[in-house]
Amino acid sequence: MTEKPKIYVTRRVPSPGIELLETECKLTFWDSDDAIPREELLKNITGGYDALFCMLTDIIDKEVLEAAGSTLKVVATMSVGYEHIDLDECRRRDIVVANTPNVSTDSVAELTVSLLLLTSRRLLEGIQAVKSGEWGPWKPMWLCGTEMTNKTIGIYGLGRIGYGVARRLKPFGGKKIIYNDVVKVSYADDIGAEYVSFETLLEEADCICICCNLTPQTKHKFNAAAFKKMKQTAILVNSGRGGVIQHDDLYDALVNKDITAAGLDVTEPEPLPSNHKLVSLNNCIILPHMGSNTWESRNSMSLTTAKNILSVFHKEKVFGEVSNK
């Protein structure tokens, strides 16, 4: 009887993926909701495992792969991002790397729109006013925010998530939707989105939703110079990657009223320290990277990770295989 493949899982994860893997494999877990300490990962991965089911918080570098040994065939991460995995080292060892692309598109798009509304309508300030007893008799200019109606909506990065954000915002009655990306995309016509230069995006948009990946080209793209070109009434929301915004420059822009407000679901670093100066601002709402925090999304991520692993064992095409050539 052939021995079942062995898989090491670095965290407690939603059950759909685990239940699928248990039909064919022998699983060992780091049985915690918290990230596995590196020393524990290095110690525990030495058991001759065929696959590593990991998270974005696990640094899978040469040292980890060396500890895993020659039996390791696949590193499958339950995340869209794979910056934590040494792709070159995996390629040298003929290890397949797989992620979970597209499974959180809807949840991140919904969160982005929610964060934009939360920020533009100053809802958190309203909640805090109720809790602190500040809510008193009606005042005509108290906690006034901004509507999306008749506004120019800007999207930086019109991939699946950016498109999902634009599609959800279109019924709000904005004047137009503009976007900037590496290239013009044909599906933008489906929602009437207009391709513009980055400079035009900054100058014309009443709100900008950042939905791009972090690359050398997008690193700190939103900096002091960019904020100076934006409308003083503009609202900036980031659900892409924290490093796209230069945080010190954002703080200055918010304090100096170069822009009106910002909503961040991603920061640099993560987690952002509670004493960071951005946290102190009323016109900056910061969430703890909640974009994919829905049961639908997380169950799908777990299941996709499991399917990626089994596809390698079955010598089938791997849906989430990351190119590391």
C-alpha atoms as a PDB file:
ATOM      1  CA  MET A   1       0.000   0.000   0.000  1.00  0.00           C
ATOM      2  CA  THR A   2       1.385   3.389  -1.044  1.00  0.00           C
ATOM      3  CA  GLU A   3       2.091   5.707   1.857  1.00  0.00           C
ATOM      4  CA  LYS A   4      -0.046   8.842   1.934  1.00  0.00           C
ATOM      5  CA  PRO A   5       1.700  12.121   1.066  1.00  0.00           C
ATOM      6  CA  LYS A   6       2.595  14.202   4.109  1.00  0.00           C
ATOM      7  CA  ILE A   7       1.595  17.849   4.370  1.00  0.00           C
ATOM      8  CA  TYR A   8       2.606  20.410   6.950  1.00  0.00           C
ATOM      9  CA  VAL A   9       0.014  23.158   7.593  1.00  0.00           C
ATOM     10  CA  THR A  10       1.382  26.259   9.315  1.00  0.00           C
ATOM     11  CA  ARG A  11      -1.880  27.522  10.846  1.00  0.00           C
ATOM     12  CA  ARG A  12      -5.466  26.657  11.702  1.00  0.00           C
ATOM     13  CA  VAL A  13      -7.371  27.280   8.484  1.00  0.00           C
ATOM     14  CA  PRO A  14     -10.994  26.977   7.297  1.00  0.00           C
ATOM     15  CA  SER A  15     -12.174  23.397   6.990  1.00  0.00           C
ATOM     16  CA  PRO A  16     -12.983  22.992   3.268  1.00  0.00           C
ATOM     17  CA  GLY A  17      -9.351  22.643   2.209  1.00  0.00           C
ATOM     18  CA  ILE A  18      -8.431  20.458   5.148  1.00  0.00           C
ATOM     19  CA  GLU A  19     -11.351  18.084   4.581  1.00  0.00           C
ATOM     20  CA  LEU A  20     -10.326  17.672   0.937  1.00  0.00           C
ATOM     21  CA  LEU A  21      -6.686  16.974   1.765  1.00  0.00           C
ATOM     22  CA  GLU A  22      -7.538  14.496   4.498  1.00  0.00           C
ATOM     23  CA  THR A  23      -9.134  12.197   1.906  1.00  0.00           C
ATOM     24  CA  GLU A  24      -5.712  11.507   0.394  1.00  0.00           C
ATOM     25  CA  CYS A  25      -2.993  12.877   2.649  1.00  0.00           C
ATOM     26  CA  LYS A  26      -1.574  12.814   6.147  1.00  0.00           C
ATOM     27  CA  LEU A  27      -1.679  16.285   7.717  1.00  0.00           C
ATOM     28  CA  THR A  28       0.322  17.826  10.535  1.00  0.00           C
ATOM     29  CA  PHE A  29      -0.627  21.264  11.887  1.00  0.00           C
ATOM     30  CA  TRP A  30       0.757  24.167  13.811  1.00  0.00           C
ATOM     31  CA  ASP A  31      -2.411  24.158  15.904  1.00  0.00           C
ATOM     32  CA  SER A  32      -2.849  27.882  16.520  1.00  0.00           C
ATOM     33  CA  ASP A  33      -4.616  30.913  15.100  1.00  0.00           C
ATOM     34  CA  ASP A  34      -1.326  32.785  15.424  1.00  0.00           C
ATOM     35  CA  ALA A  35       1.602  32.575  13.024  1.00  0.00           C
ATOM     36  CA  ILE A  36       4.040  29.781  13.622  1.00  0.00           C
ATOM     37  CA  PRO A  37       7.312  31.055  15.151  1.00  0.00           C
ATOM     38  CA  ARG A  38      10.161  30.675  12.709  1.00  0.00           C
ATOM     39  CA  GLU A  39      12.142  28.387  14.983  1.00  0.00           C
ATOM     40  CA  GLU A  40       9.145  26.064  15.232  1.00  0.00           C
ATOM     41  CA  LEU A  41       8.698  26.008  11.465  1.00  0.00           C
ATOM     42  CA  LEU A  42      12.364  25.168  10.947  1.00  0.00           C
ATOM     43  CA  LYS A  43      12.153  22.392  13.530  1.00  0.00           C
ATOM     44  CA  ASN A  44       8.826  20.931  12.446  1.00  0.00           C
ATOM     45  CA  ILE A  45       9.330  20.944   8.665  1.00  0.00           C
ATOM     46  CA  THR A  46      12.109  18.364   8.915  1.00  0.00           C
ATOM     47  CA  GLY A  47       9.702  15.418   8.972  1.00  0.00           C
ATOM     48  CA  GLY A  48       9.978  14.485   5.320  1.00  0.00           C
ATOM     49  CA  TYR A  49       6.951  16.419   4.101  1.00  0.00           C
ATOM     50  CA  ASP A  50       5.778  16.382   0.496  1.00  0.00           C
ATOM     51  CA  ALA A  51       3.937  19.720   0.681  1.00  0.00           C
ATOM     52  CA  LEU A  52       3.886  22.886   2.722  1.00  0.00           C
ATOM     53  CA  PHE A  53       0.520  24.609   3.202  1.00  0.00           C
ATOM     54  CA  CYS A  54       1.602  28.078   4.352  1.00  0.00           C
ATOM     55  CA  MET A  55       0.412  31.645   4.916  1.00  0.00           C
ATOM     56  CA  LEU A  56       1.533  35.100   3.823  1.00  0.00           C
ATOM     57  CA  THR A  57       3.121  35.543   7.258  1.00  0.00           C
ATOM     58  CA  ASP A  58       5.505  32.596   6.813  1.00  0.00           C
ATOM     59  CA  ILE A  59       8.884  33.452   5.304  1.00  0.00           C
ATOM     60  CA  ILE A  60       9.739  30.513   3.050  1.00  0.00           C
ATOM     61  CA  ASP A  61      13.376  31.089   2.221  1.00  0.00           C
ATOM     62  CA  LYS A  62      16.447  28.972   1.550  1.00  0.00           C
ATOM     63  CA  GLU A  63      16.823  28.070   5.239  1.00  0.00           C
ATOM     64  CA  VAL A  64      13.284  26.696   5.447  1.00  0.00           C
ATOM     65  CA  LEU A  65      13.583  24.829   2.154  1.00  0.00           C
ATOM     66  CA  GLU A  66      16.909  23.376   3.259  1.00  0.00           C
ATOM     67  CA  ALA A  67      15.294  22.157   6.466  1.00  0.00           C
ATOM     68  CA  ALA A  68      12.403  20.612   4.519  1.00  0.00           C
ATOM     69  CA  GLY A  69      14.786  18.547   2.425  1.00  0.00           C
ATOM     70  CA  SER A  70      14.450  16.803  -0.900  1.00  0.00           C
ATOM     71  CA  THR A  71      10.958  15.368  -0.322  1.00  0.00           C
ATOM     72  CA  LEU A  72       9.228  18.742  -0.625  1.00  0.00           C
ATOM     73  CA  LYS A  73       7.373  19.003  -3.956  1.00  0.00           C
ATOM     74  CA  VAL A  74       5.088  21.995  -3.493  1.00  0.00           C
ATOM     75  CA  VAL A  75       4.795  25.178  -1.452  1.00  0.00           C
ATOM     76  CA  ALA A  76       1.160  26.304  -1.542  1.00  0.00           C
ATOM     77  CA  THR A  77       0.306  29.599   0.111  1.00  0.00           C
ATOM     78  CA  MET A  78      -3.225  30.477   1.227  1.00  0.00           C
ATOM     79  CA  SER A  79      -2.887  33.994  -0.129  1.00  0.00           C
ATOM     80  CA  VAL A  80      -2.827  35.962  -3.333  1.00  0.00           C
ATOM     81  CA  GLY A  81       0.553  37.463  -2.482  1.00  0.00           C
ATOM     82  CA  TYR A  82       3.677  35.308  -2.671  1.00  0.00           C
ATOM     83  CA  GLU A  83       6.397  37.828  -1.825  1.00  0.00           C
ATOM     84  CA  HIS A  84       7.224  35.727   1.258  1.00  0.00           C
ATOM     85  CA  ILE A  85       8.427  32.798  -0.860  1.00  0.00           C
ATOM     86  CA  ASP A  86      11.881  32.579  -2.420  1.00  0.00           C
ATOM     87  CA  LEU A  87      10.848  31.691  -5.971  1.00  0.00           C
ATOM     88  CA  ASP A  88      14.390  31.329  -7.271  1.00  0.00           C
ATOM     89  CA  GLU A  89      15.309  28.864  -4.539  1.00  0.00           C
ATOM     90  CA  CYS A  90      12.141  26.864  -5.202  1.00  0.00           C
ATOM     91  CA  ARG A  91      12.953  26.756  -8.901  1.00  0.00           C
ATOM     92  CA  ARG A  92      16.437  25.451  -8.192  1.00  0.00           C
ATOM     93  CA  ARG A  93      14.929  22.679  -6.113  1.00  0.00           C
ATOM     94  CA  ASP A  94      12.159  21.930  -8.647  1.00  0.00           C
ATOM     95  CA  ILE A  95       9.478  22.845  -6.094  1.00  0.00           C
ATOM     96  CA  VAL A  96       6.134  24.091  -7.422  1.00  0.00           C
ATOM     97  CA  VAL A  97       4.884  27.334  -5.879  1.00  0.00           C
ATOM     98  CA  ALA A  98       1.147  28.043  -5.934  1.00  0.00           C
ATOM     99  CA  ASN A  99      -1.096  30.837  -4.636  1.00  0.00           C
ATOM    100  CA  THR A 100      -4.834  31.562  -4.595  1.00  0.00           C
ATOM    101  CA  PRO A 101      -5.469  34.138  -7.333  1.00  0.00           C
ATOM    102  CA  ASN A 102      -8.869  35.756  -7.839  1.00  0.00           C
ATOM    103  CA  VAL A 103     -10.662  34.023  -4.946  1.00  0.00           C
ATOM    104  CA  SER A 104     -10.923  37.199  -2.863  1.00  0.00           C
ATOM    105  CA  THR A 105     -11.788  39.594  -5.690  1.00  0.00           C
ATOM    106  CA  ASP A 106     -15.372  40.225  -4.595  1.00  0.00           C
ATOM    107  CA  SER A 107     -14.596  40.521  -0.896  1.00  0.00           C
ATOM    108  CA  VAL A 108     -11.772  43.025  -1.480  1.00  0.00           C
ATOM    109  CA  ALA A 109     -13.874  45.048  -3.918  1.00  0.00           C
ATOM    110  CA  GLU A 110     -16.741  45.198  -1.390  1.00  0.00           C
ATOM    111  CA  LEU A 111     -14.363  46.225   1.366  1.00  0.00           C
ATOM    112  CA  THR A 112     -12.859  48.960  -0.815  1.00  0.00           C
ATOM    113  CA  VAL A 113     -16.261  50.490  -1.495  1.00  0.00           C
ATOM    114  CA  SER A 114     -17.176  50.171   2.187  1.00  0.00           C
ATOM    115  CA  LEU A 115     -13.974  51.925   3.223  1.00  0.00           C
ATOM    116  CA  LEU A 116     -14.562  54.703   0.702  1.00  0.00           C
ATOM    117  CA  LEU A 117     -18.045  55.326   2.090  1.00  0.00           C
ATOM    118  CA  LEU A 118     -16.849  55.020   5.681  1.00  0.00           C
ATOM    119  CA  THR A 119     -14.209  57.658   4.990  1.00  0.00           C
ATOM    120  CA  SER A 120     -16.142  60.019   2.740  1.00  0.00           C
ATOM    121  CA  ARG A 121     -19.202  60.144   5.025  1.00  0.00           C
ATOM    122  CA  ARG A 122     -17.105  60.397   8.233  1.00  0.00           C
ATOM    123  CA  LEU A 123     -18.980  57.463   9.730  1.00  0.00           C
ATOM    124  CA  LEU A 124     -16.311  56.465  12.231  1.00  0.00           C
ATOM    125  CA  GLU A 125     -16.297  59.975  13.659  1.00  0.00           C
ATOM    126  CA  GLY A 126     -20.078  59.712  14.000  1.00  0.00           C
ATOM    127  CA  ILE A 127     -19.853  56.395  15.838  1.00  0.00           C
ATOM    128  CA  GLN A 128     -17.237  57.815  18.176  1.00  0.00           C
ATOM    129  CA  ALA A 129     -19.381  60.896  18.792  1.00  0.00           C
ATOM    130  CA  VAL A 130     -22.263  58.696  19.936  1.00  0.00           C
ATOM    131  CA  LYS A 131     -20.044  56.616  22.218  1.00  0.00           C
ATOM    132  CA  SER A 132     -18.323  59.638  23.762  1.00  0.00           C
ATOM    133  CA  GLY A 133     -21.538  61.576  24.402  1.00  0.00           C
ATOM    134  CA  GLU A 134     -20.608  64.290  21.933  1.00  0.00           C
ATOM    135  CA  TRP A 135     -23.877  63.808  20.016  1.00  0.00           C
ATOM    136  CA  GLY A 136     -26.121  66.730  20.916  1.00  0.00           C
ATOM    137  CA  PRO A 137     -28.735  68.962  19.266  1.00  0.00           C
ATOM    138  CA  TRP A 138     -28.690  69.026  15.458  1.00  0.00           C
ATOM    139  CA  LYS A 139     -26.084  71.277  13.870  1.00  0.00           C
ATOM    140  CA  PRO A 140     -26.225  72.173  10.173  1.00  0.00           C
ATOM    141  CA  MET A 141     -22.499  71.801   9.500  1.00  0.00           C
ATOM    142  CA  TRP A 142     -21.523  69.046  11.951  1.00  0.00           C
ATOM    143  CA  LEU A 143     -19.773  65.964  10.529  1.00  0.00           C
ATOM    144  CA  CYS A 144     -20.607  66.807   6.935  1.00  0.00           C
ATOM    145  CA  GLY A 145     -19.001  64.450   4.452  1.00  0.00           C
ATOM    146  CA  THR A 146     -18.942  63.984   0.696  1.00  0.00           C
ATOM    147  CA  GLU A 147     -21.342  62.239  -1.703  1.00  0.00           C
ATOM    148  CA  MET A 148     -20.258  60.147  -4.691  1.00  0.00           C
ATOM    149  CA  THR A 149     -23.052  61.600  -6.843  1.00  0.00           C
ATOM    150  CA  ASN A 150     -21.685  63.697  -9.736  1.00  0.00           C
ATOM    151  CA  LYS A 151     -18.109  63.050  -8.658  1.00  0.00           C
ATOM    152  CA  THR A 152     -15.185  61.813 -10.769  1.00  0.00           C
ATOM    153  CA  ILE A 153     -14.204  58.400  -9.450  1.00  0.00           C
ATOM    154  CA  GLY A 154     -10.589  57.372  -9.976  1.00  0.00           C
ATOM    155  CA  ILE A 155      -9.180  53.836  -9.939  1.00  0.00           C
ATOM    156  CA  TYR A 156      -5.440  53.190  -9.829  1.00  0.00           C
ATOM    157  CA  GLY A 157      -5.048  49.645 -11.142  1.00  0.00           C
ATOM    158  CA  LEU A 158      -8.043  48.333 -13.113  1.00  0.00           C
ATOM    159  CA  GLY A 159      -7.419  44.636 -12.627  1.00  0.00           C
ATOM    160  CA  ARG A 160     -10.106  42.301 -11.322  1.00  0.00           C
ATOM    161  CA  ILE A 161     -10.408  44.126  -7.998  1.00  0.00           C
ATOM    162  CA  GLY A 162     -10.238  47.597  -9.511  1.00  0.00           C
ATOM    163  CA  TYR A 163     -12.889  46.626 -12.044  1.00  0.00           C
ATOM    164  CA  GLY A 164     -15.024  45.189  -9.240  1.00  0.00           C
ATOM    165  CA  VAL A 165     -14.755  48.467  -7.330  1.00  0.00           C
ATOM    166  CA  ALA A 166     -15.642  50.539 -10.381  1.00  0.00           C
ATOM    167  CA  ARG A 167     -18.598  48.288 -11.231  1.00  0.00           C
ATOM    168  CA  ARG A 168     -19.974  48.636  -7.708  1.00  0.00           C
ATOM    169  CA  LEU A 169     -19.512  52.417  -7.650  1.00  0.00           C
ATOM    170  CA  LYS A 170     -21.081  53.084 -11.051  1.00  0.00           C
ATOM    171  CA  PRO A 171     -24.699  52.980  -9.728  1.00  0.00           C
ATOM    172  CA  PHE A 172     -23.829  55.732  -7.240  1.00  0.00           C
ATOM    173  CA  GLY A 173     -24.270  58.243 -10.062  1.00  0.00           C
ATOM    174  CA  GLY A 174     -20.765  59.569 -10.419  1.00  0.00           C
ATOM    175  CA  LYS A 175     -20.004  61.974 -13.238  1.00  0.00           C
ATOM    176  CA  LYS A 176     -17.433  59.598 -14.736  1.00  0.00           C
ATOM    177  CA  ILE A 177     -14.965  56.841 -13.897  1.00  0.00           C
ATOM    178  CA  ILE A 178     -11.323  57.290 -14.853  1.00  0.00           C
ATOM    179  CA  TYR A 179      -8.441  54.893 -14.348  1.00  0.00           C
ATOM    180  CA  ASN A 180      -4.720  54.526 -14.768  1.00  0.00           C
ATOM    181  CA  ASP A 181      -2.860  51.260 -15.217  1.00  0.00           C
ATOM    182  CA  VAL A 182       0.187  49.882 -17.007  1.00  0.00           C
ATOM    183  CA  VAL A 183      -1.901  49.539 -20.175  1.00  0.00           C
ATOM    184  CA  LYS A 184      -5.379  50.419 -21.372  1.00  0.00           C
ATOM    185  CA  VAL A 185      -7.758  47.476 -20.890  1.00  0.00           C
ATOM    186  CA  SER A 186     -10.635  46.597 -23.210  1.00  0.00           C
ATOM    187  CA  TYR A 187     -13.057  45.541 -20.469  1.00  0.00           C
ATOM    188  CA  ALA A 188     -13.063  49.089 -19.090  1.00  0.00           C
ATOM    189  CA  ASP A 189     -15.551  49.893 -21.844  1.00  0.00           C
ATOM    190  CA  ASP A 190     -18.100  47.639 -20.116  1.00  0.00           C
ATOM    191  CA  ILE A 191     -18.443  50.192 -17.336  1.00  0.00           C
ATOM    192  CA  GLY A 192     -17.579  53.277 -19.336  1.00  0.00           C
ATOM    193  CA  ALA A 193     -14.255  53.798 -17.573  1.00  0.00           C
ATOM    194  CA  GLU A 194     -11.844  56.147 -19.326  1.00  0.00           C
ATOM    195  CA  TYR A 195      -8.085  55.534 -19.429  1.00  0.00           C
ATOM    196  CA  VAL A 196      -6.070  58.587 -18.366  1.00  0.00           C
ATOM    197  CA  SER A 197      -2.495  59.398 -17.464  1.00  0.00           C
ATOM    198  CA  PHE A 198      -1.419  59.203 -13.831  1.00  0.00           C
ATOM    199  CA  GLU A 199      -1.158  63.002 -13.760  1.00  0.00           C
ATOM    200  CA  THR A 200      -4.720  63.364 -15.013  1.00  0.00           C
ATOM    201  CA  LEU A 201      -5.965  60.834 -12.482  1.00  0.00           C
ATOM    202  CA  LEU A 202      -4.442  62.892  -9.678  1.00  0.00           C
ATOM    203  CA  GLU A 203      -5.737  66.207 -10.978  1.00  0.00           C
ATOM    204  CA  GLU A 204      -9.312  65.213 -11.895  1.00  0.00           C
ATOM    205  CA  ALA A 205     -10.431  62.508  -9.466  1.00  0.00           C
ATOM    206  CA  ASP A 206     -12.582  63.398  -6.469  1.00  0.00           C
ATOM    207  CA  CYS A 207     -11.715  60.033  -4.949  1.00  0.00           C
ATOM    208  CA  ILE A 208      -8.982  57.575  -5.865  1.00  0.00           C
ATOM    209  CA  CYS A 209      -9.103  53.879  -5.003  1.00  0.00           C
ATOM    210  CA  ILE A 210      -5.709  52.177  -5.124  1.00  0.00           C
ATOM    211  CA  CYS A 211      -6.203  48.580  -6.281  1.00  0.00           C
ATOM    212  CA  CYS A 212      -2.788  47.697  -7.709  1.00  0.00           C
ATOM    213  CA  ASN A 213       0.047  45.376  -6.718  1.00  0.00           C
ATOM    214  CA  LEU A 214       3.320  46.595  -5.255  1.00  0.00           C
ATOM    215  CA  THR A 215       6.026  46.744  -7.915  1.00  0.00           C
ATOM    216  CA  PRO A 216       9.132  48.876  -8.388  1.00  0.00           C
ATOM    217  CA  GLN A 217       6.935  51.099 -10.575  1.00  0.00           C
ATOM    218  CA  THR A 218       4.167  51.546  -7.971  1.00  0.00           C
ATOM    219  CA  LYS A 219       6.368  51.771  -4.867  1.00  0.00           C
ATOM    220  CA  HIS A 220       5.582  55.090  -3.112  1.00  0.00           C
ATOM    221  CA  LYS A 221       3.759  56.272  -6.240  1.00  0.00           C
ATOM    222  CA  PHE A 222       1.518  58.334  -3.977  1.00  0.00           C
ATOM    223  CA  ASN A 223       3.993  60.716  -2.388  1.00  0.00           C
ATOM    224  CA  ALA A 224       4.279  64.405  -1.554  1.00  0.00           C
ATOM    225  CA  ALA A 225       4.471  65.415  -5.205  1.00  0.00           C
ATOM    226  CA  ALA A 226       1.381  63.357  -6.055  1.00  0.00           C
ATOM    227  CA  PHE A 227      -0.651  64.731  -3.149  1.00  0.00           C
ATOM    228  CA  LYS A 228       0.120  68.307  -4.227  1.00  0.00           C
ATOM    229  CA  LYS A 229      -1.488  67.562  -7.601  1.00  0.00           C
ATOM    230  CA  MET A 230      -4.689  66.116  -6.110  1.00  0.00           C
ATOM    231  CA  LYS A 231      -7.761  68.151  -5.297  1.00  0.00           C
ATOM    232  CA  GLN A 232      -7.862  69.452  -1.742  1.00  0.00           C
ATOM    233  CA  THR A 233     -11.295  67.850  -1.478  1.00  0.00           C
ATOM    234  CA  ALA A 234     -10.024  64.468  -2.703  1.00  0.00           C
ATOM    235  CA  ILE A 235     -10.325  61.228  -0.752  1.00  0.00           C
ATOM    236  CA  LEU A 236      -7.747  58.452  -1.117  1.00  0.00           C
ATOM    237  CA  VAL A 237      -8.482  54.794  -0.360  1.00  0.00           C
ATOM    238  CA  ASN A 238      -5.914  51.997  -0.497  1.00  0.00           C
ATOM    239  CA  SER A 239      -6.806  48.299  -0.575  1.00  0.00           C
ATOM    240  CA  GLY A 240      -3.884  47.329  -2.813  1.00  0.00           C
ATOM    241  CA  ARG A 241      -0.530  47.307  -1.045  1.00  0.00           C
ATOM    242  CA  GLY A 242       0.687  49.578   1.737  1.00  0.00           C
ATOM    243  CA  GLY A 243       3.938  50.432   0.011  1.00  0.00           C
ATOM    244  CA  VAL A 244       2.167  52.218  -2.834  1.00  0.00           C
ATOM    245  CA  ILE A 245       1.731  55.174  -0.449  1.00  0.00           C
ATOM    246  CA  GLN A 246       4.567  57.034   1.237  1.00  0.00           C
ATOM    247  CA  HIS A 247       3.064  57.204   4.730  1.00  0.00           C
ATOM    248  CA  ASP A 248       5.020  60.181   6.063  1.00  0.00           C
ATOM    249  CA  ASP A 249       3.990  62.183   3.010  1.00  0.00           C
ATOM    250  CA  LEU A 250       0.376  61.096   3.475  1.00  0.00           C
ATOM    251  CA  TYR A 251       0.433  62.320   7.066  1.00  0.00           C
ATOM    252  CA  ASP A 252       1.730  65.713   5.974  1.00  0.00           C
ATOM    253  CA  ALA A 253      -0.849  65.918   3.180  1.00  0.00           C
ATOM    254  CA  LEU A 254      -3.718  65.186   5.581  1.00  0.00           C
ATOM    255  CA  VAL A 255      -2.476  67.606   8.233  1.00  0.00           C
ATOM    256  CA  ASN A 256      -1.790  70.352   5.693  1.00  0.00           C
ATOM    257  CA  LYS A 257      -5.148  69.701   3.968  1.00  0.00           C
ATOM    258  CA  ASP A 258      -3.570  68.920   0.606  1.00  0.00           C
ATOM    259  CA  ILE A 259      -6.260  66.210   0.482  1.00  0.00           C
ATOM    260  CA  THR A 260      -9.353  65.799   2.658  1.00  0.00           C
ATOM    261  CA  ALA A 261      -9.165  62.221   3.950  1.00  0.00           C
ATOM    262  CA  ALA A 262      -7.705  58.749   3.511  1.00  0.00           C
ATOM    263  CA  GLY A 263      -8.896  55.219   4.189  1.00  0.00           C
ATOM    264  CA  LEU A 264      -6.295  52.455   4.419  1.00  0.00           C
ATOM    265  CA  ASP A 265      -6.828  48.713   4.569  1.00  0.00           C
ATOM    266  CA  VAL A 266      -3.147  48.093   3.855  1.00  0.00           C
ATOM    267  CA  THR A 267      -0.195  49.856   5.436  1.00  0.00           C
ATOM    268  CA  GLU A 268       3.581  49.911   5.529  1.00  0.00           C
ATOM    269  CA  PRO A 269       4.480  48.121   7.773  1.00  0.00           C
ATOM    270  CA  GLU A 270       1.756  45.681   8.805  1.00  0.00           C
ATOM    271  CA  PRO A 271       0.612  45.757  11.456  1.00  0.00           C
ATOM    272  CA  LEU A 272       0.947  49.506  11.722  1.00  0.00           C
ATOM    273  CA  PRO A 273       2.063  50.441  15.257  1.00  0.00           C
ATOM    274  CA  SER A 274      -0.802  51.825  17.347  1.00  0.00           C
ATOM    275  CA  ASN A 275       1.303  54.916  18.104  1.00  0.00           C
ATOM    276  CA  HIS A 276       1.937  55.693  14.431  1.00  0.00           C
ATOM    277  CA  LYS A 277       1.139  59.329  13.717  1.00  0.00           C
ATOM    278  CA  LEU A 278      -1.451  58.446  11.059  1.00  0.00           C
ATOM    279  CA  VAL A 279      -3.518  56.643  13.705  1.00  0.00           C
ATOM    280  CA  SER A 280      -4.015  59.904  15.588  1.00  0.00           C
ATOM    281  CA  LEU A 281      -5.763  61.645  12.684  1.00  0.00           C
ATOM    282  CA  ASN A 282      -9.548  61.886  12.503  1.00  0.00           C
ATOM    283  CA  ASN A 283      -9.395  62.133   8.714  1.00  0.00           C
ATOM    284  CA  CYS A 284      -7.484  58.873   8.306  1.00  0.00           C
ATOM    285  CA  ILE A 285      -9.317  55.574   8.819  1.00  0.00           C
ATOM    286  CA  ILE A 286      -7.088  52.520   9.127  1.00  0.00           C
ATOM    287  CA  LEU A 287      -8.327  48.927   9.011  1.00  0.00           C
ATOM    288  CA  PRO A 288      -6.254  45.846   9.923  1.00  0.00           C
ATOM    289  CA  HIS A 289      -6.010  44.445   6.359  1.00  0.00           C
ATOM    290  CA  MET A 290      -9.549  43.041   6.243  1.00  0.00           C
ATOM    291  CA  GLY A 291     -10.007  42.855   2.465  1.00  0.00           C
ATOM    292  CA  SER A 292     -10.495  39.086   2.267  1.00  0.00           C
ATOM    293  CA  ASN A 293     -12.143  38.737   5.682  1.00  0.00           C
ATOM    294  CA  THR A 294     -15.307  36.948   4.630  1.00  0.00           C
ATOM    295  CA  TRP A 295     -16.111  33.290   5.214  1.00  0.00           C
ATOM    296  CA  GLU A 296     -16.845  32.896   1.522  1.00  0.00           C
ATOM    297  CA  SER A 297     -13.414  34.187   0.573  1.00  0.00           C
ATOM    298  CA  ARG A 298     -11.435  32.336   3.241  1.00  0.00           C
ATOM    299  CA  ASN A 299     -13.213  29.022   2.578  1.00  0.00           C
ATOM    300  CA  SER A 300     -12.430  29.417  -1.105  1.00  0.00           C
ATOM    301  CA  MET A 301      -8.798  30.255  -0.362  1.00  0.00           C
ATOM    302  CA  SER A 302      -8.439  27.159   1.811  1.00  0.00           C
ATOM    303  CA  LEU A 303     -10.043  24.938  -0.812  1.00  0.00           C
ATOM    304  CA  THR A 304      -7.952  26.388  -3.657  1.00  0.00           C
ATOM    305  CA  THR A 305      -4.749  25.842  -1.686  1.00  0.00           C
ATOM    306  CA  ALA A 306      -5.710  22.202  -1.156  1.00  0.00           C
ATOM    307  CA  LYS A 307      -6.558  21.727  -4.825  1.00  0.00           C
ATOM    308  CA  ASN A 308      -3.208  23.228  -5.822  1.00  0.00           C
ATOM    309  CA  ILE A 309      -1.398  20.683  -3.644  1.00  0.00           C
ATOM    310  CA  LEU A 310      -3.393  17.718  -4.947  1.00  0.00           C
ATOM    311  CA  SER A 311      -2.866  18.840  -8.536  1.00  0.00           C
ATOM    312  CA  VAL A 312       0.878  18.578  -8.021  1.00  0.00           C
ATOM    313  CA  PHE A 313       0.530  15.084  -6.535  1.00  0.00           C
ATOM    314  CA  HIS A 314      -1.755  14.044  -9.417  1.00  0.00           C
ATOM    315  CA  LYS A 315       0.621  15.600 -11.997  1.00  0.00           C
ATOM    316  CA  GLU A 316      -2.185  17.837 -13.240  1.00  0.00           C
ATOM    317  CA  LYS A 317      -2.165  21.507 -14.262  1.00  0.00           C
ATOM    318  CA  VAL A 318      -1.980  23.639 -11.113  1.00  0.00           C
ATOM    319  CA  PHE A 319      -4.578  26.438 -11.137  1.00  0.00           C
ATOM    320  CA  GLY A 320      -2.570  28.775  -8.910  1.00  0.00           C
ATOM    321  CA  GLU A 321       0.947  27.936 -10.077  1.00  0.00           C
ATOM    322  CA  VAL A 322       3.258  30.942  -9.788  1.00  0.00           C
ATOM    323  CA  SER A 323       5.686  31.403 -12.620  1.00  0.00           C
ATOM    324  CA  ASN A 324       9.199  31.288 -11.228  1.00  0.00           C
ATOM    325  CA  LYS A 325      11.144  30.967 -14.441  1.00  0.00           C
END
